[in-house]
Amino acid sequence: MSTGPGFELWWAAPGDADPALRELLAPDELARLDRYRVPAAADRYLTGRALLRLVLGRWLDLPARLVPLTSGCPDCGGPHGRPRLPERYAWLGLSVSHSGGRVGVAVGPAPLGLDIAEIDQDIDLSPDGGVLTSALAPAEAAALLALAPEARAAAFAVVWARKEAALKALGVGLAQPPARLVVSLAHEPPAIREMDPALRPPDGRLTLHDLAERHTGERYRGCLATISQHSESKQNEKGRESQSRLMARDGTTLLLKHFATVSPH
């Protein structure tokens, strides 16, 4: 298993996985990959899934292709759910996120959710644009609209990354309306402000960790949400988890090293 009590965040770009790395994927993953009609979407999926398998293989001491991932939707059984491990590996949390030119994989010793959001200056964040009402709770939207127009895209990326990371950690993702969970404003330390009681983890605390630029790059904002036992979830006085526990890893190199082992010489 990987060393250290912290959380590993592995980063790559969508085109970093050579098509030869398809050999890592299970049949249902290959079928899902082949259903993509947009090449960029297929590249993101292959890179994220190949990187996830390689990272989990390191933690579980298994060949990447033998990591027992499943992706069945809990509602309909379709192969489009989030990746999960069997119950015997419940101690290990995992999450995949991608946005623009970044693909991230997070793995660590607790339930977790990773999200990265590109700062999109062209996104319509006007009161009538539809994004605010669908993505944010009324209080979050009002706070965003109080900012100068040029500051809204970056603030939205912060808030959205926090919300989606939290929903992933809770195991529901965007199957639940994002407005059911309210997070702190972009300029404030990351925190949960309000949560639908039905979403609350029964035996742990949900904590948000904003990611430094060494993880995301300057054009992105990111968040890691973790669920830990109450006695283990202390934060410092600013409400931020020590960044030393969030270890940035080079996913591009990991993918290239494995490609070198499978490519013909």
Protein backbone atom coordinates (compact mmCIF):
# COMPACT_ATOMS: atom_id res chain seq x y z
CA MET A 1 0.00 0.00 0.00
CA SER A 2 1.09 3.60 -0.55
CA THR A 3 2.94 5.15 2.35
CA GLY A 4 1.76 7.99 4.57
CA PRO A 5 -1.59 8.99 6.06
CA GLY A 6 -2.27 11.76 3.57
CA PHE A 7 -4.25 12.06 0.36
CA GLU A 8 -2.62 11.68 -3.04
CA LEU A 9 -3.76 13.90 -5.90
CA TRP A 10 -2.47 12.80 -9.28
CA TRP A 11 -2.61 15.22 -12.22
CA ALA A 12 -2.45 14.70 -15.97
CA ALA A 13 -3.75 16.18 -19.22
CA PRO A 14 -6.54 14.63 -21.32
CA GLY A 15 -4.20 13.42 -24.07
CA ASP A 16 -1.62 11.83 -21.77
CA ALA A 17 -3.01 8.29 -22.05
CA ASP A 18 -1.87 6.61 -25.25
CA PRO A 19 -4.55 4.38 -26.85
CA ALA A 20 -2.36 1.39 -25.92
CA LEU A 21 -3.46 1.97 -22.32
CA ARG A 22 -6.89 0.68 -23.27
CA GLU A 23 -5.47 -2.66 -22.19
CA LEU A 24 -5.85 -1.54 -18.58
CA LEU A 25 -9.62 -1.13 -18.82
CA ALA A 26 -12.29 -3.70 -18.02
CA PRO A 27 -14.82 -4.70 -20.72
CA ASP A 28 -17.55 -2.39 -19.39
CA GLU A 29 -15.08 0.51 -19.29
CA LEU A 30 -14.00 -0.18 -22.88
CA ALA A 31 -17.64 -0.25 -23.97
CA ARG A 32 -18.23 3.10 -22.29
CA LEU A 33 -15.08 4.56 -23.87
CA ASP A 34 -16.17 3.42 -27.34
CA ARG A 35 -19.56 5.10 -26.95
CA TYR A 36 -17.96 8.54 -26.85
CA ARG A 37 -18.39 10.33 -30.16
CA VAL A 38 -16.31 13.40 -29.29
CA PRO A 39 -12.58 12.56 -29.30
CA ALA A 40 -11.79 15.02 -26.50
CA ALA A 41 -14.35 13.36 -24.23
CA ALA A 42 -12.91 9.93 -25.02
CA ASP A 43 -9.40 11.19 -24.23
CA ARG A 44 -10.55 12.53 -20.85
CA TYR A 45 -12.24 9.27 -19.95
CA LEU A 46 -9.31 7.07 -20.99
CA THR A 47 -6.80 9.25 -19.16
CA GLY A 48 -8.89 9.42 -15.99
CA ARG A 49 -9.70 5.72 -15.87
CA ALA A 50 -6.19 4.52 -16.78
CA LEU A 51 -4.63 6.86 -14.22
CA LEU A 52 -7.12 5.79 -11.55
CA ARG A 53 -6.34 2.13 -12.14
CA LEU A 54 -2.59 2.71 -12.00
CA VAL A 55 -2.84 4.69 -8.76
CA LEU A 56 -5.18 2.19 -7.09
CA GLY A 57 -2.88 -0.63 -8.15
CA ARG A 58 -0.09 1.04 -6.16
CA TRP A 59 -2.27 1.31 -3.05
CA LEU A 60 -3.70 -2.19 -3.29
CA ASP A 61 -0.57 -3.93 -4.59
CA LEU A 62 -2.45 -5.20 -7.62
CA PRO A 63 -1.82 -5.01 -11.37
CA ALA A 64 -3.81 -2.02 -12.65
CA ARG A 65 -5.98 -4.13 -14.95
CA LEU A 66 -6.99 -6.36 -12.01
CA VAL A 67 -8.20 -3.55 -9.73
CA PRO A 68 -11.87 -4.52 -9.11
CA LEU A 69 -13.52 -1.26 -10.12
CA THR A 70 -17.23 -1.08 -10.87
CA SER A 71 -19.20 1.81 -12.36
CA GLY A 72 -22.80 0.67 -12.12
CA CYS A 73 -25.34 3.39 -11.52
CA PRO A 74 -27.00 2.80 -8.11
CA ASP A 75 -30.35 4.01 -9.51
CA CYS A 76 -30.67 2.24 -12.86
CA GLY A 77 -27.74 -0.18 -12.95
CA GLY A 78 -26.33 1.38 -16.12
CA PRO A 79 -22.55 1.58 -16.64
CA HIS A 80 -22.37 5.35 -16.17
CA GLY A 81 -21.97 5.61 -12.39
CA ARG A 82 -18.94 6.84 -10.48
CA PRO A 83 -16.08 4.35 -10.03
CA ARG A 84 -16.26 2.28 -6.86
CA LEU A 85 -14.36 -0.50 -5.15
CA PRO A 86 -15.90 -3.56 -3.43
CA GLU A 87 -16.87 -3.32 0.22
CA ARG A 88 -13.66 -5.02 1.35
CA TYR A 89 -11.79 -1.90 0.23
CA ALA A 90 -14.20 0.52 1.87
CA TRP A 91 -11.30 2.09 3.80
CA LEU A 92 -9.93 3.57 0.56
CA GLY A 93 -11.56 6.65 -0.96
CA LEU A 94 -11.23 7.56 -4.63
CA SER A 95 -12.47 10.23 -7.00
CA VAL A 96 -11.84 11.45 -10.55
CA SER A 97 -12.37 14.94 -11.96
CA HIS A 98 -11.57 16.73 -15.18
CA SER A 99 -12.01 20.22 -16.56
CA GLY A 100 -10.45 21.84 -19.61
CA GLY A 101 -6.87 20.60 -19.86
CA ARG A 102 -6.66 18.99 -16.41
CA VAL A 103 -7.49 15.47 -15.25
CA GLY A 104 -7.21 14.67 -11.56
CA VAL A 105 -7.39 11.48 -9.49
CA ALA A 106 -7.59 11.57 -5.69
CA VAL A 107 -6.98 8.56 -3.45
CA GLY A 108 -6.76 8.43 0.33
CA PRO A 109 -7.74 6.66 3.55
CA ALA A 110 -11.27 8.09 3.84
CA PRO A 111 -14.35 8.72 1.71
CA LEU A 112 -13.55 11.67 -0.54
CA GLY A 113 -14.56 13.72 -3.54
CA LEU A 114 -12.35 15.71 -5.92
CA ASP A 115 -13.45 18.49 -8.22
CA ILE A 116 -11.55 20.88 -10.44
CA ALA A 117 -13.22 23.76 -12.29
CA GLU A 118 -11.73 25.87 -15.05
CA ILE A 119 -12.22 29.62 -14.71
CA ASP A 120 -14.46 30.36 -17.69
CA GLN A 121 -14.71 34.07 -18.38
CA ASP A 122 -17.41 33.40 -21.02
CA ILE A 123 -19.85 31.65 -18.71
CA ASP A 124 -23.19 33.44 -18.38
CA LEU A 125 -23.47 34.37 -14.72
CA SER A 126 -26.20 36.94 -15.21
CA PRO A 127 -29.32 36.77 -13.00
CA ASP A 128 -31.36 35.38 -15.91
CA GLY A 129 -28.70 33.16 -17.47
CA GLY A 130 -29.84 29.91 -15.85
CA VAL A 131 -26.45 28.82 -14.51
CA LEU A 132 -26.87 30.51 -11.15
CA THR A 133 -30.34 29.13 -10.48
CA SER A 134 -29.38 25.58 -11.48
CA ALA A 135 -25.96 25.41 -9.84
CA LEU A 136 -26.15 27.59 -6.74
CA ALA A 137 -28.41 28.10 -3.76
CA PRO A 138 -30.10 31.53 -3.58
CA ALA A 139 -27.66 32.83 -0.95
CA GLU A 140 -24.66 31.70 -3.00
CA ALA A 141 -26.06 33.29 -6.16
CA ALA A 142 -26.80 36.57 -4.38
CA ALA A 143 -23.25 36.75 -3.01
CA LEU A 144 -21.80 36.09 -6.46
CA LEU A 145 -23.93 38.80 -8.07
CA ALA A 146 -22.72 41.29 -5.45
CA LEU A 147 -19.19 40.97 -6.86
CA ALA A 148 -17.81 43.02 -9.73
CA PRO A 149 -18.60 41.28 -13.05
CA GLU A 150 -14.93 40.59 -13.77
CA ALA A 151 -14.53 38.75 -10.43
CA ARG A 152 -17.50 36.43 -10.81
CA ALA A 153 -16.00 33.68 -12.99
CA ALA A 154 -13.17 32.90 -10.56
CA ALA A 155 -15.51 33.06 -7.56
CA PHE A 156 -17.99 30.75 -9.28
CA ALA A 157 -15.21 28.21 -9.97
CA VAL A 158 -14.28 28.18 -6.27
CA VAL A 159 -17.85 27.71 -5.07
CA TRP A 160 -18.71 25.13 -7.70
CA ALA A 161 -15.59 23.05 -7.01
CA ARG A 162 -16.44 23.02 -3.30
CA LYS A 163 -20.04 21.98 -3.92
CA GLU A 164 -19.32 19.21 -6.41
CA ALA A 165 -16.41 17.83 -4.36
CA ALA A 166 -18.71 17.65 -1.33
CA LEU A 167 -21.50 15.93 -3.27
CA LYS A 168 -19.00 13.40 -4.64
CA ALA A 169 -17.68 12.64 -1.16
CA LEU A 170 -21.25 12.09 0.03
CA GLY A 171 -21.67 9.55 -2.78
CA VAL A 172 -24.50 11.34 -4.58
CA GLY A 173 -22.74 13.60 -7.08
CA LEU A 174 -24.99 15.66 -9.31
CA ALA A 175 -27.82 13.16 -8.93
CA GLN A 176 -28.90 15.55 -6.16
CA PRO A 177 -29.68 19.23 -6.82
CA PRO A 178 -26.57 21.26 -5.92
CA ALA A 179 -28.73 23.79 -4.06
CA ARG A 180 -29.33 21.19 -1.32
CA LEU A 181 -25.85 21.99 -0.07
CA VAL A 182 -24.55 25.52 0.62
CA VAL A 183 -20.84 26.28 0.93
CA SER A 184 -18.90 29.31 2.10
CA LEU A 185 -18.24 32.24 -0.20
CA ALA A 186 -15.19 32.21 -2.45
CA HIS A 187 -13.18 34.64 -0.31
CA GLU A 188 -13.94 32.73 2.89
CA PRO A 189 -12.23 29.59 4.23
CA PRO A 190 -13.82 26.45 2.76
CA ALA A 191 -16.75 25.22 4.84
CA ILE A 192 -20.23 23.76 4.64
CA ARG A 193 -22.83 26.39 5.58
CA GLU A 194 -26.05 24.42 5.13
CA MET A 195 -26.84 20.84 4.18
CA ASP A 196 -30.05 18.94 3.60
CA PRO A 197 -30.32 16.60 6.64
CA ALA A 198 -30.79 13.66 4.29
CA LEU A 199 -27.27 14.24 2.92
CA ARG A 200 -25.42 14.34 6.25
CA PRO A 201 -22.92 11.52 6.75
CA PRO A 202 -24.16 9.43 9.70
CA ASP A 203 -20.84 8.82 11.43
CA GLY A 204 -18.35 11.39 10.24
CA ARG A 205 -17.67 15.00 9.39
CA LEU A 206 -17.52 16.45 5.91
CA THR A 207 -14.55 18.79 5.51
CA LEU A 208 -13.54 20.89 2.50
CA HIS A 209 -9.94 21.52 1.46
CA ASP A 210 -9.24 24.15 -1.20
CA LEU A 211 -6.38 23.08 -3.45
CA ALA A 212 -3.26 25.19 -3.96
CA GLU A 213 -2.11 26.14 -7.46
CA ARG A 214 0.54 23.42 -7.38
CA HIS A 215 -2.39 21.05 -7.78
CA THR A 216 -4.72 22.92 -10.09
CA GLY A 217 -2.68 25.37 -12.14
CA GLU A 218 -3.49 29.07 -12.23
CA ARG A 219 -6.47 28.83 -14.61
CA TYR A 220 -8.37 26.43 -12.35
CA ARG A 221 -9.83 26.17 -8.89
CA GLY A 222 -10.14 22.87 -7.06
CA CYS A 223 -11.37 21.27 -3.87
CA LEU A 224 -10.97 17.97 -2.07
CA ALA A 225 -13.81 16.98 0.26
CA THR A 226 -13.19 14.30 2.87
CA ILE A 227 -15.37 12.51 5.40
CA SER A 228 -13.54 11.61 8.58
CA GLN A 229 -14.43 10.56 12.09
CA HIS A 230 -15.23 13.54 14.29
CA SER A 231 -12.11 13.04 16.39
CA GLU A 232 -9.91 13.11 13.27
CA SER A 233 -11.35 16.14 11.49
CA LYS A 234 -9.73 19.04 13.31
CA GLN A 235 -8.82 22.03 11.19
CA ASN A 236 -6.55 24.91 11.98
CA GLU A 237 -7.82 28.31 13.09
CA LYS A 238 -8.38 29.47 9.51
CA GLY A 239 -10.55 26.45 8.77
CA ARG A 240 -8.07 25.03 6.27
CA GLU A 241 -6.58 21.56 6.27
CA SER A 242 -2.80 21.52 6.28
CA GLN A 243 -1.76 21.38 2.64
CA SER A 244 1.07 19.02 3.64
CA ARG A 245 -1.47 16.18 3.78
CA LEU A 246 -2.52 16.81 0.17
CA MET A 247 0.31 15.37 -1.88
CA ALA A 248 0.58 16.45 -5.53
CA ARG A 249 1.70 13.62 -7.82
CA ASP A 250 2.74 13.55 -11.48
CA GLY A 251 0.13 11.48 -13.29
CA THR A 252 1.59 12.24 -16.72
CA THR A 253 4.84 10.49 -15.82
CA LEU A 254 3.01 7.54 -14.29
CA LEU A 255 1.01 7.06 -17.51
CA LEU A 256 4.12 7.38 -19.68
CA LYS A 257 6.06 4.88 -17.59
CA HIS A 258 3.32 2.30 -17.96
CA PHE A 259 3.01 3.00 -21.67
CA ALA A 260 6.71 2.26 -22.02
CA THR A 261 6.09 -1.21 -20.58
CA VAL A 262 3.31 -2.08 -23.05
CA SER A 263 4.43 -0.35 -26.26
CA PRO A 264 6.36 -2.41 -28.83
CA HIS A 265 10.10 -1.74 -28.98
